[in-house]
Amino acid sequence: MFLKLYILFTLLAVIATYDKVAETSVVLGSKRFLIVDKLKLPWAQAVQYCLDMNMTLFAPHTEELTKQLSEFLNEIEFVYKPNIGNDYIFWTSGKYDQKRNEFIWHSTGDQFNYTNWLTNMPDNWRGDELCVEMGFREVGKWNDNRCRYKRHFICEHLVEI
């Protein structure tokens, strides 16, 4: 009897976990993007989540890619609307590298060749805003924030054509 109850509760836990991490995906160009909208994690855990999926945290390294993904997020209404209480702000792979004294894409180690910061950003307002989020106040725009904050996130990987 105990074994049956254990199996039942284990199955219920798996189902509940699956529901929490339901995702939306889209292929844009040569990449598949997994929009993790039911789960919020600190930046480092979001990086690990993507790695566990054989993906990397999204690096919006071109204007075209940022525009395409922003249009998709608008279509599915995963945008920041503070007046109705949703908070579709997503971690990117961007992180400040203190040794290099610049922001880089963690997923590749490359410096930023394209930026889409909100006006007056990055500002490192609290002295520890080292991670880059996208979608705060405006779809597709970037903001620096504390890495420990929990955000939704987007994973990416190349698709074979």
Protein backbone atom coordinates (compact mmCIF):
# COMPACT_ATOMS: atom_id res chain seq x y z
CA MET A 1 0.00 0.00 0.00
CA PHE A 2 2.82 2.40 0.90
CA LEU A 3 4.53 1.71 -2.43
CA LYS A 4 1.34 2.49 -4.38
CA LEU A 5 0.92 5.80 -2.54
CA TYR A 6 4.57 6.65 -3.13
CA ILE A 7 4.22 5.98 -6.88
CA LEU A 8 1.01 8.01 -7.05
CA PHE A 9 2.55 11.03 -5.31
CA THR A 10 5.68 10.77 -7.45
CA LEU A 11 3.58 10.81 -10.62
CA LEU A 12 1.58 13.78 -9.36
CA ALA A 13 4.80 15.66 -8.59
CA VAL A 14 6.13 14.97 -12.09
CA ILE A 15 2.88 16.18 -13.66
CA ALA A 16 2.88 19.32 -11.50
CA THR A 17 6.51 20.05 -12.40
CA TYR A 18 5.83 19.56 -16.11
CA ASP A 19 2.96 22.03 -15.94
CA LYS A 20 5.20 24.65 -14.31
CA VAL A 21 7.80 24.52 -17.08
CA ALA A 22 5.57 24.37 -20.14
CA GLU A 23 7.33 26.27 -22.87
CA THR A 24 6.72 27.90 -26.22
CA SER A 25 9.22 27.48 -29.03
CA VAL A 26 9.79 29.12 -32.38
CA VAL A 27 12.33 28.75 -35.18
CA LEU A 28 13.70 32.02 -36.51
CA GLY A 29 16.34 31.70 -39.20
CA SER A 30 18.79 28.99 -38.20
CA LYS A 31 17.89 28.93 -34.50
CA ARG A 32 15.18 27.46 -32.32
CA PHE A 33 14.16 29.57 -29.34
CA LEU A 34 12.55 28.07 -26.27
CA ILE A 35 10.60 30.70 -24.34
CA VAL A 36 10.40 29.55 -20.73
CA ASP A 37 7.38 31.50 -19.54
CA LYS A 38 6.04 29.36 -16.69
CA LEU A 39 9.25 29.35 -14.68
CA LYS A 40 11.39 32.15 -13.27
CA LEU A 41 14.97 31.57 -12.18
CA PRO A 42 18.01 33.61 -11.18
CA TRP A 43 20.40 34.19 -14.09
CA ALA A 44 22.92 31.42 -13.23
CA GLN A 45 20.15 28.83 -12.83
CA ALA A 46 18.62 29.93 -16.14
CA VAL A 47 22.02 29.35 -17.78
CA GLN A 48 22.12 25.85 -16.28
CA TYR A 49 18.52 25.09 -17.28
CA CYS A 50 19.35 25.89 -20.90
CA LEU A 51 22.53 23.80 -20.75
CA ASP A 52 20.52 20.88 -19.37
CA MET A 53 18.31 21.20 -22.47
CA ASN A 54 21.43 21.19 -24.72
CA MET A 55 20.83 24.86 -25.43
CA THR A 56 22.32 28.19 -24.34
CA LEU A 57 20.76 31.28 -22.84
CA PHE A 58 19.59 33.64 -25.61
CA ALA A 59 22.08 36.17 -26.98
CA PRO A 60 20.25 38.89 -28.96
CA HIS A 61 23.41 39.81 -30.86
CA THR A 62 21.82 41.44 -33.93
CA GLU A 63 19.13 44.02 -34.53
CA GLU A 64 17.34 41.70 -36.97
CA LEU A 65 17.19 38.84 -34.47
CA THR A 66 16.01 41.15 -31.69
CA LYS A 67 13.28 42.53 -33.95
CA GLN A 68 12.09 39.07 -35.05
CA LEU A 69 11.95 37.71 -31.52
CA SER A 70 10.28 40.88 -30.21
CA GLU A 71 7.60 40.59 -32.89
CA PHE A 72 7.00 36.97 -31.90
CA LEU A 73 6.78 37.88 -28.20
CA ASN A 74 4.27 40.61 -29.10
CA GLU A 75 2.19 38.14 -31.14
CA ILE A 76 1.91 35.71 -28.25
CA GLU A 77 1.49 38.57 -25.76
CA PHE A 78 4.58 37.75 -23.70
CA VAL A 79 5.34 41.41 -23.12
CA TYR A 80 5.75 43.58 -20.04
CA LYS A 81 2.40 45.10 -19.05
CA PRO A 82 2.71 46.40 -15.48
CA ASN A 83 -0.84 47.75 -15.42
CA ILE A 84 -2.26 44.22 -15.70
CA GLY A 85 0.30 42.51 -13.50
CA ASN A 86 2.31 40.38 -15.91
CA ASP A 87 6.05 40.58 -16.01
CA TYR A 88 7.44 39.01 -19.15
CA ILE A 89 11.00 40.10 -18.59
CA PHE A 90 13.58 37.61 -19.88
CA TRP A 91 17.19 36.94 -18.99
CA THR A 92 19.63 37.06 -21.87
CA SER A 93 23.12 35.58 -22.01
CA GLY A 94 24.54 39.06 -21.44
CA LYS A 95 26.69 39.53 -18.37
CA TYR A 96 29.22 42.08 -17.22
CA ASP A 97 32.74 40.62 -17.21
CA GLN A 98 34.60 42.43 -14.43
CA LYS A 99 38.02 41.23 -15.63
CA ARG A 100 37.44 42.58 -19.13
CA ASN A 101 35.44 45.59 -17.87
CA GLU A 102 32.73 45.07 -20.49
CA PHE A 103 29.50 43.23 -21.15
CA ILE A 104 29.87 39.93 -22.99
CA TRP A 105 27.63 37.15 -24.21
CA HIS A 106 28.21 34.41 -21.66
CA SER A 107 27.16 31.75 -24.17
CA THR A 108 30.00 32.65 -26.57
CA GLY A 109 32.40 34.87 -24.62
CA ASP A 110 32.05 37.54 -27.32
CA GLN A 111 31.79 41.24 -26.52
CA PHE A 112 28.66 43.12 -27.57
CA ASN A 113 28.87 44.30 -31.19
CA TYR A 114 25.21 45.37 -31.13
CA THR A 115 23.28 46.85 -28.21
CA ASN A 116 19.65 47.69 -27.59
CA TRP A 117 19.74 49.30 -24.15
CA LEU A 118 16.89 51.30 -22.70
CA THR A 119 17.69 55.01 -22.48
CA ASN A 120 20.39 55.69 -19.84
CA MET A 121 21.24 52.00 -19.47
CA PRO A 122 23.31 50.23 -18.37
CA ASP A 123 23.51 52.17 -15.13
CA ASN A 124 24.64 49.59 -12.54
CA TRP A 125 22.22 51.42 -10.26
CA ARG A 126 22.79 49.29 -7.15
CA GLY A 127 26.44 48.57 -7.83
CA ASP A 128 25.78 44.90 -8.61
CA GLU A 129 23.65 44.92 -11.75
CA LEU A 130 25.78 42.55 -13.80
CA CYS A 131 23.20 40.59 -15.82
CA VAL A 132 21.23 41.71 -18.88
CA GLU A 133 17.47 41.31 -19.07
CA MET A 134 15.27 42.00 -22.08
CA GLY A 135 11.74 43.36 -22.12
CA PHE A 136 11.70 45.63 -19.07
CA ARG A 137 9.44 48.58 -19.93
CA GLU A 138 9.78 47.96 -23.66
CA VAL A 139 9.80 44.78 -25.76
CA GLY A 140 13.28 43.99 -27.05
CA LYS A 141 15.05 46.64 -24.97
CA TRP A 142 17.79 45.72 -22.52
CA ASN A 143 18.35 46.62 -18.91
CA ASP A 144 21.10 45.67 -16.47
CA ASN A 145 19.86 44.09 -13.26
CA ARG A 146 20.86 41.93 -10.31
CA CYS A 147 21.60 38.36 -11.36
CA ARG A 148 19.87 36.93 -8.31
CA TYR A 149 16.46 38.21 -9.39
CA LYS A 150 14.13 35.61 -10.84
CA ARG A 151 13.13 36.16 -14.44
CA HIS A 152 11.67 34.19 -17.30
CA PHE A 153 14.29 33.29 -19.89
CA ILE A 154 14.84 32.18 -23.46
CA CYS A 155 17.09 29.32 -24.52
CA GLU A 156 18.44 28.92 -28.04
CA HIS A 157 20.24 26.41 -30.25
CA LEU A 158 21.10 25.98 -33.91
CA VAL A 159 18.73 23.86 -35.98
CA GLU A 160 19.84 21.66 -38.82
CA ILE A 161 18.45 22.82 -42.13
